Amino acid sequence: MQPPEMRRLKQLEDENAKLKRIVADLSLDREMLQDVIRRNVWSAPSMQGLLDADRVQFAYRRVHVLLRRELGRQHQEDTQDLQ
């Protein structure tokens, strides 16, 4: 394996580790939110649909923010490599 290939492999492994951490964080967030909903007085069946929709929207926003942050970091690293 050539040095550029080794460098690229290392970058991909680092990115994979970061993405795994993001997934783990989101899984923890999901579990915590589910726990809050289970304990919440407002989680009666009539409110469940609203709470599920809010939870999904929150999770999507969080994923979006985390992925944009990670892509920004990756872009910075790529531009630094080119210089």
Protein backbone atom coordinates (compact mmCIF):
# COMPACT_ATOMS: atom_id res chain seq x y z
CA MET A 1 0.00 0.00 0.00
CA GLN A 2 1.40 3.40 -1.02
CA PRO A 3 1.73 6.28 1.50
CA PRO A 4 -1.13 8.32 -0.06
CA GLU A 5 -3.38 5.27 0.14
CA MET A 6 -2.36 4.68 3.75
CA ARG A 7 -3.07 8.33 4.57
CA ARG A 8 -6.50 8.12 2.90
CA LEU A 9 -7.28 4.88 4.75
CA LYS A 10 -6.40 6.56 8.05
CA GLN A 11 -8.66 9.52 7.18
CA LEU A 12 -11.53 7.18 6.37
CA GLU A 13 -11.01 5.24 9.59
CA ASP A 14 -11.02 8.51 11.57
CA GLU A 15 -14.18 9.68 9.81
CA ASN A 16 -15.82 6.32 10.46
CA ALA A 17 -14.98 6.57 14.18
CA LYS A 18 -16.44 10.09 14.33
CA LEU A 19 -19.64 8.96 12.62
CA LYS A 20 -19.93 6.02 15.00
CA ARG A 21 -19.66 8.45 17.93
CA ILE A 22 -22.39 10.61 16.38
CA VAL A 23 -24.66 7.58 16.02
CA ALA A 24 -23.95 6.58 19.62
CA ASP A 25 -24.76 10.13 20.83
CA LEU A 26 -27.99 10.16 18.86
CA SER A 27 -28.95 6.74 20.19
CA LEU A 28 -28.39 7.98 23.72
CA ASP A 29 -30.47 11.10 22.98
CA ARG A 30 -33.24 8.91 21.64
CA GLU A 31 -33.22 6.70 24.72
CA MET A 32 -33.27 9.71 27.05
CA LEU A 33 -36.16 11.29 25.15
CA GLN A 34 -38.10 8.04 25.21
CA ASP A 35 -37.54 7.78 28.95
CA VAL A 36 -38.79 11.35 29.45
CA ILE A 37 -41.87 10.62 27.36
CA ARG A 38 -42.61 7.43 29.29
CA ARG A 39 -42.44 9.35 32.59
CA ASN A 40 -44.21 12.44 31.29
CA VAL A 41 -47.82 13.06 32.36
CA TRP A 42 -48.50 14.49 28.90
CA SER A 43 -47.63 11.22 27.22
CA ALA A 44 -51.24 10.05 27.41
CA PRO A 45 -52.39 8.31 24.22
CA SER A 46 -54.12 11.47 22.96
CA MET A 47 -50.79 13.38 23.15
CA GLN A 48 -48.55 10.56 21.93
CA GLY A 49 -48.72 11.49 18.23
CA LEU A 50 -47.72 15.08 18.94
CA LEU A 51 -44.85 14.00 21.17
CA ASP A 52 -43.59 11.50 18.60
CA ALA A 53 -43.61 14.16 15.88
CA ASP A 54 -41.75 16.62 18.11
CA ARG A 55 -39.20 13.98 19.06
CA VAL A 56 -38.56 13.07 15.43
CA GLN A 57 -38.21 16.72 14.44
CA PHE A 58 -35.75 17.29 17.30
CA ALA A 59 -33.71 14.24 16.28
CA TYR A 60 -33.58 15.36 12.63
CA ARG A 61 -32.44 18.84 13.65
CA ARG A 62 -29.74 17.38 15.88
CA VAL A 63 -28.50 15.04 13.14
CA HIS A 64 -28.45 17.94 10.69
CA VAL A 65 -26.40 20.13 13.04
CA LEU A 66 -23.95 17.35 13.88
CA LEU A 67 -23.45 16.33 10.25
CA ARG A 68 -22.96 19.94 9.09
CA ARG A 69 -20.39 20.42 11.84
CA GLU A 70 -18.59 17.23 10.87
CA LEU A 71 -18.67 18.04 7.16
CA GLY A 72 -17.28 21.49 7.92
CA ARG A 73 -14.40 19.95 9.84
CA GLN A 74 -13.76 17.47 7.04
CA HIS A 75 -13.77 20.30 4.49
CA GLN A 76 -11.24 22.25 6.57
CA GLU A 77 -8.99 19.21 6.82
CA ASP A 78 -9.24 18.59 3.08
CA THR A 79 -8.38 22.19 2.22
CA GLN A 80 -5.44 22.12 4.64
CA ASP A 81 -4.15 18.95 2.96
CA LEU A 82 -4.24 20.67 -0.42
CA GLN A 83 -2.16 23.63 0.74
